[in-house]
């Protein structure tokens, strides 16, 4: 494909400044576990503390860490979980998170991509930069119109009903559980991810103005104007943004949560069968929704929730 060298060159130009930015951020992280932001040990530097009432030779689970380190590394990862975090504003913070012999907490040992702020940010940055280039490069190889089918579960009415049901579940769950519980915060993070995703895909639709399969037999019709909004798929990206915060939050405790990926999978197949999108449209959309879902899961406090009335924190089920 003649467009491949152009895409590879563009990726290299994108990677250079991001690599420099990554190196700068890495140097700013304190302690010997600086690479934790990229999926390493992920725990804050800890030093053994002492108390006047400690028995000689006793072992303590508490560690004294700097305010900045504890706030940045420990507090965000145990919020909403079963572990506890006791903060003091006297210059030090003491964590009651159980530590192992190497000084790592249980949550640190379960550290996964998307749980650190830098990881979530980079997921969005890289996805938004590479998804259009990858779609453009791979389009001649994988894009083709499927046999049109609009019956049974593939009918457009069922697709829209399914989308509306998921929207009601997302908003209803956020209001029902509120923002104090683990599942409630996850619902609100899902709301954040969906709104971020909707804004992104809407802007990209107008920017790339790609013709849909029902509008053109060729997948190579980009920048056609306001008539065409095939890239990316707003519905597939919405489904991915909805399920990703739940998968990121619960996959360690409940592996079955990965089954939620069936939601964007169904929508992707349905949109292609009804000639609403090309293969690269739905794949890029799935990636965009997932990236925003990881970013929203990263938030210490859900963004939209912070603008809502305080009563929403409680949740409707606690009012009865």
Protein backbone atom coordinates (compact mmCIF):
# COMPACT_ATOMS: atom_id res chain seq x y z
CA UNK A 1 0.00 0.00 0.00
CA UNK A 2 1.41 3.34 -1.05
CA UNK A 3 0.00 5.15 1.98
CA UNK A 4 1.84 2.95 4.51
CA UNK A 5 5.18 4.89 4.45
CA UNK A 6 3.28 8.12 5.04
CA UNK A 7 1.48 6.67 8.04
CA UNK A 8 4.66 5.17 9.51
CA UNK A 9 6.46 8.49 9.14
CA UNK A 10 3.60 10.29 10.86
CA UNK A 11 3.69 7.83 13.75
CA UNK A 12 7.40 8.43 14.19
CA UNK A 13 6.84 12.19 14.27
CA UNK A 14 4.14 11.68 16.90
CA UNK A 15 6.25 9.31 18.98
CA UNK A 16 9.24 11.66 19.29
CA UNK A 17 7.58 14.42 21.37
CA UNK A 18 5.58 11.88 23.38
CA UNK A 19 8.75 10.00 24.25
CA UNK A 20 10.39 13.23 25.37
CA UNK A 21 7.34 14.06 27.47
CA UNK A 22 7.38 10.58 28.99
CA UNK A 23 11.04 10.91 29.92
CA UNK A 24 10.36 14.27 31.58
CA UNK A 25 7.47 12.83 33.60
CA UNK A 26 9.51 9.83 34.59
CA UNK A 27 12.28 11.99 35.98
CA UNK A 28 9.74 13.85 38.08
CA UNK A 29 8.50 10.77 39.91
CA UNK A 30 10.00 10.32 43.36
CA UNK A 31 11.77 7.29 44.73
CA UNK A 32 13.36 4.16 43.29
CA UNK A 33 10.03 2.96 41.85
CA UNK A 34 9.64 5.85 39.42
CA UNK A 35 8.69 3.54 36.56
CA UNK A 36 5.55 2.56 38.47
CA UNK A 37 3.48 4.97 36.36
CA UNK A 38 4.12 2.74 33.41
CA UNK A 39 2.98 -0.47 35.11
CA UNK A 40 5.87 -1.21 37.47
CA UNK A 41 5.71 -1.80 41.20
CA UNK A 42 3.44 1.20 41.59
CA UNK A 43 3.97 2.00 45.25
CA UNK A 44 5.11 5.15 46.95
CA UNK A 45 8.57 5.30 48.54
CA UNK A 46 8.18 4.19 52.12
CA UNK A 47 10.34 4.58 55.15
CA UNK A 48 9.89 2.82 58.43
CA UNK A 49 8.22 4.98 61.04
CA UNK A 50 8.67 4.84 64.81
CA UNK A 51 6.35 5.45 67.72
CA UNK A 52 7.05 5.92 71.36
CA UNK A 53 4.80 3.01 72.32
CA UNK A 54 6.36 0.54 69.84
CA UNK A 55 7.62 -2.62 71.46
CA UNK A 56 11.30 -3.36 70.71
CA UNK A 57 11.62 -5.59 67.66
CA UNK A 58 7.92 -5.37 66.72
CA UNK A 59 6.89 -5.15 63.09
CA UNK A 60 4.47 -2.53 61.91
CA UNK A 61 2.29 -2.43 58.79
CA UNK A 62 2.14 1.37 58.81
CA UNK A 63 4.60 3.37 56.81
CA UNK A 64 5.23 7.11 56.85
CA UNK A 65 5.38 8.62 53.41
CA UNK A 66 5.52 12.12 52.04
CA UNK A 67 2.24 13.94 51.52
CA UNK A 68 2.78 14.28 47.79
CA UNK A 69 3.79 10.66 47.27
CA UNK A 70 0.99 9.19 49.35
CA UNK A 71 -1.65 11.37 47.80
CA UNK A 72 -0.45 10.63 44.28
CA UNK A 73 0.22 6.92 44.56
CA UNK A 74 -1.85 5.37 47.33
CA UNK A 75 -5.03 7.38 47.88
CA UNK A 76 -6.33 7.26 44.28
CA UNK A 77 -5.93 3.49 44.08
CA UNK A 78 -7.77 2.58 47.26
CA UNK A 79 -10.64 5.02 46.90
CA UNK A 80 -13.78 3.01 46.54
CA UNK A 81 -12.02 -0.20 47.54
CA UNK A 82 -12.01 -2.21 50.72
CA UNK A 83 -8.68 -0.88 51.99
CA UNK A 84 -8.49 2.21 54.17
CA UNK A 85 -6.36 5.31 54.05
CA UNK A 86 -5.83 7.57 57.06
CA UNK A 87 -4.59 11.04 56.20
CA UNK A 88 -3.00 13.63 58.40
CA UNK A 89 -2.25 17.20 57.34
CA UNK A 90 0.71 17.63 59.64
CA UNK A 91 3.25 17.08 56.88
CA UNK A 92 3.11 13.28 56.79
CA UNK A 93 0.47 10.73 55.93
CA UNK A 94 0.20 7.24 57.37
CA UNK A 95 -1.37 4.46 55.37
CA UNK A 96 -3.05 1.49 57.01
CA UNK A 97 -2.98 -0.42 53.71
CA UNK A 98 -1.49 -3.86 54.44
CA UNK A 99 2.05 -4.03 53.08
CA UNK A 100 4.08 -7.05 52.10
CA UNK A 101 7.73 -7.62 52.84
CA UNK A 102 8.82 -5.49 49.90
CA UNK A 103 6.70 -2.56 51.07
CA UNK A 104 3.94 -3.02 48.48
CA UNK A 105 0.26 -2.83 49.29
CA UNK A 106 -2.24 -5.38 48.03
CA UNK A 107 -3.72 -2.78 45.70
CA UNK A 108 -0.19 -2.01 44.42
CA UNK A 109 0.36 -5.65 43.57
CA UNK A 110 -2.88 -5.53 41.56
CA UNK A 111 -1.72 -2.44 39.71
CA UNK A 112 -3.07 -2.51 36.16
CA UNK A 113 -2.97 -0.26 33.08
CA UNK A 114 -5.36 2.63 33.42
CA UNK A 115 -5.10 2.87 37.20
CA UNK A 116 -2.45 5.59 37.14
CA UNK A 117 -3.18 9.06 35.89
CA UNK A 118 -0.25 9.12 33.42
CA UNK A 119 -1.31 5.77 31.99
CA UNK A 120 -4.87 6.96 31.45
CA UNK A 121 -3.72 10.19 29.84
CA UNK A 122 -1.33 8.42 27.50
CA UNK A 123 -4.04 5.92 26.50
CA UNK A 124 -6.20 8.80 25.26
CA UNK A 125 -3.33 10.70 23.65
CA UNK A 126 -2.01 7.72 21.72
CA UNK A 127 -5.45 6.50 20.69
CA UNK A 128 -6.66 9.84 19.37
CA UNK A 129 -3.42 10.30 17.43
CA UNK A 130 -3.07 6.81 16.01
CA UNK A 131 -6.69 5.70 15.43
CA UNK A 132 -7.25 7.89 12.33
CA UNK A 133 -3.84 7.02 10.89
CA UNK A 134 -4.34 3.32 11.49
CA UNK A 135 -7.82 3.41 9.95
CA UNK A 136 -6.52 5.25 6.90
CA UNK A 137 -3.60 2.83 6.47
CA UNK A 138 -5.57 -0.38 7.02
CA UNK A 139 -8.69 0.63 5.12
CA UNK A 140 -7.66 -0.83 1.71
CA UNK A 141 -6.77 -4.13 3.36
CA UNK A 142 -9.74 -4.82 5.64
CA UNK A 143 -12.63 -2.51 4.75
CA UNK A 144 -15.43 -4.04 2.69
CA UNK A 145 -19.20 -3.97 2.73
CA UNK A 146 -20.80 -6.91 4.49
CA UNK A 147 -23.90 -8.59 3.15
CA UNK A 148 -26.75 -6.28 4.14
CA UNK A 149 -28.90 -7.73 6.91
CA UNK A 150 -31.57 -5.91 8.88
CA UNK A 151 -33.64 -8.62 10.50
CA UNK A 152 -33.83 -10.19 13.93
CA UNK A 153 -31.35 -8.75 16.40
CA UNK A 154 -29.65 -6.75 13.65
CA UNK A 155 -32.60 -4.47 12.92
CA UNK A 156 -31.95 -0.79 13.38
CA UNK A 157 -34.81 -0.51 15.87
CA UNK A 158 -33.20 -3.11 18.13
CA UNK A 159 -29.85 -1.34 17.85
CA UNK A 160 -31.36 1.94 19.01
CA UNK A 161 -33.41 0.25 21.75
CA UNK A 162 -30.24 -1.44 22.98
CA UNK A 163 -28.35 1.86 23.05
CA UNK A 164 -31.15 3.60 24.95
CA UNK A 165 -31.31 0.73 27.46
CA UNK A 166 -27.59 1.05 28.15
CA UNK A 167 -27.94 4.83 28.57
CA UNK A 168 -30.77 4.37 31.08
CA UNK A 169 -28.72 1.76 32.94
CA UNK A 170 -25.73 4.07 33.12
CA UNK A 171 -27.60 7.16 34.30
CA UNK A 172 -30.00 5.19 36.49
CA UNK A 173 -27.17 3.30 38.18
CA UNK A 174 -25.26 6.51 38.85
CA UNK A 175 -28.29 8.16 40.49
CA UNK A 176 -29.33 5.02 42.35
CA UNK A 177 -25.99 4.20 43.93
CA UNK A 178 -24.69 7.76 44.30
CA UNK A 179 -21.03 8.63 44.58
CA UNK A 180 -20.04 7.18 47.95
CA UNK A 181 -19.82 3.48 47.14
CA UNK A 182 -17.38 1.71 44.89
CA UNK A 183 -20.00 0.74 42.33
CA UNK A 184 -21.55 4.19 42.47
CA UNK A 185 -18.27 5.90 41.67
CA UNK A 186 -17.73 3.43 38.85
CA UNK A 187 -21.11 4.32 37.36
CA UNK A 188 -20.24 8.03 37.55
CA UNK A 189 -16.87 7.40 35.94
CA UNK A 190 -18.71 5.60 33.18
CA UNK A 191 -20.88 8.71 32.71
CA UNK A 192 -17.71 10.80 32.43
CA UNK A 193 -16.22 8.42 29.87
CA UNK A 194 -19.39 8.47 27.77
CA UNK A 195 -19.54 12.26 27.68
CA UNK A 196 -15.83 12.58 26.83
CA UNK A 197 -16.28 9.97 24.11
CA UNK A 198 -19.39 11.63 22.63
CA UNK A 199 -17.60 14.97 22.35
CA UNK A 200 -14.57 13.33 20.74
CA UNK A 201 -16.43 11.21 18.18
CA UNK A 202 -18.73 14.08 17.19
CA UNK A 203 -15.75 16.32 16.45
CA UNK A 204 -13.98 13.55 14.52
CA UNK A 205 -17.07 12.81 12.41
CA UNK A 206 -17.06 16.37 11.10
CA UNK A 207 -13.28 16.49 10.80
CA UNK A 208 -12.91 13.32 8.71
CA UNK A 209 -16.37 13.31 7.03
CA UNK A 210 -16.05 9.78 5.68
CA UNK A 211 -18.74 8.25 3.47
CA UNK A 212 -20.70 5.35 4.98
CA UNK A 213 -20.91 1.97 3.21
CA UNK A 214 -24.50 2.74 2.17
CA UNK A 215 -23.25 6.00 0.59
CA UNK A 216 -20.28 4.60 -1.31
CA UNK A 217 -18.98 1.24 -2.44
CA UNK A 218 -15.43 2.43 -1.82
CA UNK A 219 -14.07 2.86 1.72
CA UNK A 220 -11.60 5.46 0.49
CA UNK A 221 -13.98 8.42 0.40
CA UNK A 222 -12.76 10.71 3.19
CA UNK A 223 -13.34 14.46 3.67
CA UNK A 224 -16.62 14.50 1.77
CA UNK A 225 -18.26 17.30 3.75
CA UNK A 226 -21.24 17.39 6.09
CA UNK A 227 -23.03 14.64 4.19
CA UNK A 228 -20.80 11.90 5.54
CA UNK A 229 -20.05 10.92 9.15
CA UNK A 230 -18.93 7.31 9.07
CA UNK A 231 -15.68 7.70 11.02
CA UNK A 232 -15.83 6.94 13.90
CA UNK A 233 -18.93 5.15 15.18
CA UNK A 234 -20.50 7.04 18.06
CA UNK A 235 -22.60 4.05 19.15
CA UNK A 236 -19.73 1.55 19.32
CA UNK A 237 -17.49 4.03 21.15
CA UNK A 238 -20.30 4.73 23.62
CA UNK A 239 -20.70 1.04 24.44
CA UNK A 240 -16.94 0.70 24.94
CA UNK A 241 -16.79 3.78 27.17
CA UNK A 242 -19.64 2.40 29.28
CA UNK A 243 -18.14 -1.03 29.98
CA UNK A 244 -14.45 -0.10 30.36
CA UNK A 245 -14.61 1.56 33.83
CA UNK A 246 -16.39 -1.54 35.20
CA UNK A 247 -13.86 -3.91 33.64
CA UNK A 248 -10.93 -1.82 34.90
CA UNK A 249 -12.41 -1.68 38.41
CA UNK A 250 -13.66 -5.25 38.88
CA UNK A 251 -11.64 -7.53 36.59
CA UNK A 252 -9.41 -8.66 39.46
CA UNK A 253 -12.29 -9.51 41.79
CA UNK A 254 -14.78 -10.74 39.18
CA UNK A 255 -13.14 -11.96 35.95
CA UNK A 256 -16.56 -12.54 34.38
CA UNK A 257 -16.87 -8.77 33.99
CA UNK A 258 -14.88 -9.13 30.77
CA UNK A 259 -18.11 -10.48 29.26
CA UNK A 260 -19.31 -6.86 29.10
CA UNK A 261 -17.16 -6.48 26.00
CA UNK A 262 -20.01 -8.28 24.23
CA UNK A 263 -21.90 -4.96 24.23
CA UNK A 264 -19.55 -3.04 21.89
CA UNK A 265 -18.97 -6.25 19.92
CA UNK A 266 -22.68 -6.62 19.16
CA UNK A 267 -23.02 -2.97 18.22
CA UNK A 268 -19.94 -3.13 15.95
CA UNK A 269 -21.30 -6.13 14.03
CA UNK A 270 -24.79 -4.66 13.82
CA UNK A 271 -23.56 -1.33 12.45
CA UNK A 272 -21.53 -3.09 9.75
CA UNK A 273 -24.38 -5.40 8.78
CA UNK A 274 -26.73 -2.47 8.23
CA UNK A 275 -24.05 -0.61 6.23
CA UNK A 276 -23.67 2.14 8.80
CA UNK A 277 -19.90 1.77 9.24
CA UNK A 278 -16.75 0.20 7.82
CA UNK A 279 -14.54 -2.21 9.74
CA UNK A 280 -11.93 0.43 10.55
CA UNK A 281 -14.70 2.74 11.80
CA UNK A 282 -15.85 0.34 14.50
CA UNK A 283 -12.35 -0.79 15.46
CA UNK A 284 -11.16 2.80 15.94
CA UNK A 285 -14.35 3.63 17.83
CA UNK A 286 -13.87 0.67 20.15
CA UNK A 287 -10.34 1.88 20.91
CA UNK A 288 -11.46 5.48 21.51
CA UNK A 289 -14.21 4.46 23.91
CA UNK A 290 -11.84 2.14 25.77
CA UNK A 291 -9.19 4.85 26.10
CA UNK A 292 -11.66 7.36 27.56
CA UNK A 293 -12.99 4.63 29.85
CA UNK A 294 -9.50 4.04 31.24
CA UNK A 295 -8.99 7.77 31.64
CA UNK A 296 -12.29 8.17 33.52
CA UNK A 297 -11.50 5.17 35.71
CA UNK A 298 -8.32 7.04 36.62
CA UNK A 299 -10.17 9.92 38.24
CA UNK A 300 -9.92 10.16 42.01
CA UNK A 301 -13.38 11.77 42.00
CA UNK A 302 -15.69 11.55 38.96
CA UNK A 303 -15.74 14.88 37.14
CA UNK A 304 -19.47 15.20 36.42
CA UNK A 305 -20.31 14.18 39.99
CA UNK A 306 -18.30 17.12 41.31
CA UNK A 307 -20.69 19.53 39.55
CA UNK A 308 -23.83 17.83 40.78
CA UNK A 309 -25.84 18.69 43.94
CA UNK A 310 -24.42 17.15 47.09
CA UNK A 311 -27.45 14.91 47.45
CA UNK A 312 -26.40 12.87 44.45
CA UNK A 313 -23.48 11.58 46.50
CA UNK A 314 -25.93 9.66 48.68
CA UNK A 315 -27.86 7.83 46.00
CA UNK A 316 -31.57 7.19 45.73
CA UNK A 317 -31.42 3.71 47.27
CA UNK A 318 -30.13 5.20 50.53
CA UNK A 319 -33.08 7.57 50.80
CA UNK A 320 -35.72 4.85 51.14
